[in-house]
Amino acid sequence: MMCLQDPLQRFLPRPYVFSVGPESVRIESNDLELALAIRTACLTGKFDHITEWTLLRDRKADGRDDAVTLVEETSLRTLLIGHGSLMVFDRETRRLFAYVSPMLDLELLTTALIPLAIAP
């Protein structure tokens, strides 16, 4: 029997699912604390630009470096945060996908990094 590797964690279970607001914003995560932080931020109306969130807490990631790199290509905006976190926002579909290091502060994520990713 062959064992398939999934280094991108595409098939990682995301048991924490929330729908928020009148536009039915969907939040999916494998980490309850992360999902609740995004849900709280969405309830305040800060992230009306996003209709679908997929957030994966990568427990193996090493996120000690605080450097942020921004890459833009047409409708995609990508943030590389240190060595352990990655965030991609698609302006056309209004979807945000992120791998989040366990060391990344959730307040920093919701107050600075996500706003940078979704800025017009």
Protein backbone atom coordinates (compact mmCIF):
# COMPACT_ATOMS: atom_id res chain seq x y z
CA MET A 1 0.00 0.00 0.00
CA MET A 2 1.37 3.39 -1.01
CA CYS A 3 1.27 6.23 1.53
CA LEU A 4 0.50 9.58 -0.08
CA GLN A 5 2.15 12.65 1.36
CA ASP A 6 0.23 15.90 1.66
CA PRO A 7 2.89 18.55 2.37
CA LEU A 8 0.45 21.39 1.63
CA GLN A 9 -2.06 19.91 4.10
CA ARG A 10 -4.85 20.22 1.54
CA PHE A 11 -6.72 17.34 3.11
CA LEU A 12 -6.25 18.41 6.71
CA PRO A 13 -9.61 18.28 8.53
CA ARG A 14 -11.14 21.71 9.25
CA PRO A 15 -13.70 20.92 11.94
CA TYR A 16 -14.25 24.54 13.03
CA VAL A 17 -16.71 26.11 10.61
CA PHE A 18 -18.63 29.34 11.15
CA SER A 19 -21.02 31.40 9.06
CA VAL A 20 -21.08 35.11 9.88
CA GLY A 21 -23.26 38.03 8.88
CA PRO A 22 -25.96 38.66 6.32
CA GLU A 23 -23.67 37.79 3.36
CA SER A 24 -22.96 34.41 4.93
CA VAL A 25 -19.21 34.70 5.31
CA ARG A 26 -17.73 31.23 5.75
CA ILE A 27 -14.77 30.53 8.05
CA GLU A 28 -13.07 27.12 8.10
CA SER A 29 -10.11 26.21 10.30
CA ASN A 30 -8.32 23.38 12.02
CA ASP A 31 -7.73 25.61 15.06
CA LEU A 32 -10.57 26.87 17.26
CA GLU A 33 -8.69 29.89 18.67
CA LEU A 34 -7.78 31.04 15.15
CA ALA A 35 -11.33 30.54 13.84
CA LEU A 36 -12.84 32.44 16.76
CA ALA A 37 -10.41 35.35 16.35
CA ILE A 38 -11.42 35.71 12.69
CA ARG A 39 -15.10 35.29 13.52
CA THR A 40 -14.87 38.08 16.11
CA ALA A 41 -13.09 40.35 13.64
CA CYS A 42 -15.73 39.62 10.98
CA LEU A 43 -18.55 40.45 13.40
CA THR A 44 -17.10 43.95 13.79
CA GLY A 45 -17.34 44.47 10.03
CA LYS A 46 -13.58 44.91 9.58
CA PHE A 47 -13.28 42.32 6.83
CA ASP A 48 -16.25 42.88 4.53
CA HIS A 49 -13.95 42.27 1.54
CA ILE A 50 -13.71 38.55 2.34
CA THR A 51 -16.51 36.03 1.90
CA GLU A 52 -14.61 32.77 2.41
CA TRP A 53 -11.80 32.02 4.84
CA THR A 54 -9.63 28.89 5.01
CA LEU A 55 -7.14 29.08 7.87
CA LEU A 56 -4.77 26.28 8.73
CA ARG A 57 -2.67 26.35 11.86
CA ASP A 58 0.58 24.67 10.84
CA ARG A 59 1.86 23.31 14.14
CA LYS A 60 5.19 22.26 12.58
CA ALA A 61 5.98 25.71 11.18
CA ASP A 62 8.88 27.73 12.48
CA GLY A 63 7.72 31.35 12.60
CA ARG A 64 10.52 33.06 14.48
CA ASP A 65 11.35 35.56 11.73
CA ASP A 66 9.11 38.63 11.62
CA ALA A 67 9.94 39.67 8.04
CA VAL A 68 6.91 40.23 5.79
CA THR A 69 7.12 39.93 2.01
CA LEU A 70 4.28 41.13 -0.20
CA VAL A 71 3.83 39.71 -3.70
CA GLU A 72 1.07 40.90 -6.06
CA GLU A 73 -0.03 39.40 -9.33
CA THR A 74 -3.24 40.55 -11.00
CA SER A 75 -6.00 39.57 -8.57
CA LEU A 76 -3.83 37.68 -6.07
CA ARG A 77 -2.03 39.26 -3.15
CA THR A 78 0.32 37.01 -1.19
CA LEU A 79 1.99 37.69 2.14
CA LEU A 80 4.92 35.60 3.29
CA ILE A 81 5.28 36.11 7.03
CA GLY A 82 8.57 34.92 8.41
CA HIS A 83 9.37 31.29 7.71
CA GLY A 84 6.13 29.81 8.98
CA SER A 85 3.10 31.72 7.70
CA LEU A 86 1.60 32.37 4.30
CA MET A 87 -1.54 34.26 3.33
CA VAL A 88 -3.14 34.51 -0.11
CA PHE A 89 -6.10 36.80 -0.90
CA ASP A 90 -7.95 36.48 -4.21
CA ARG A 91 -9.68 39.79 -4.96
CA GLU A 92 -11.91 38.29 -7.66
CA THR A 93 -13.37 35.48 -5.58
CA ARG A 94 -12.97 37.34 -2.26
CA ARG A 95 -11.34 34.28 -0.68
CA LEU A 96 -8.50 34.27 1.81
CA PHE A 97 -6.34 31.21 2.41
CA ALA A 98 -3.67 31.11 5.12
CA TYR A 99 -1.16 28.83 6.77
CA VAL A 100 -0.56 30.31 10.21
CA SER A 101 2.46 29.56 12.39
CA PRO A 102 1.70 28.68 16.01
CA MET A 103 4.00 31.57 17.01
CA LEU A 104 2.12 34.22 15.03
CA ASP A 105 0.23 36.57 17.34
CA LEU A 106 -3.49 36.57 16.50
CA GLU A 107 -3.86 40.27 17.31
CA LEU A 108 -1.08 41.08 14.84
CA LEU A 109 -2.79 38.83 12.32
CA THR A 110 -6.18 40.54 12.63
CA THR A 111 -5.03 44.14 13.09
CA ALA A 112 -2.10 44.39 10.66
CA LEU A 113 -1.45 41.39 8.43
CA ILE A 114 -4.96 40.66 7.13
CA PRO A 115 -5.64 44.38 6.45
CA LEU A 116 -2.37 44.47 4.48
CA ALA A 117 -3.43 41.42 2.47
CA ILE A 118 -6.85 42.83 1.56
CA ALA A 119 -5.86 46.46 0.99
CA PRO A 120 -7.11 47.83 -2.35
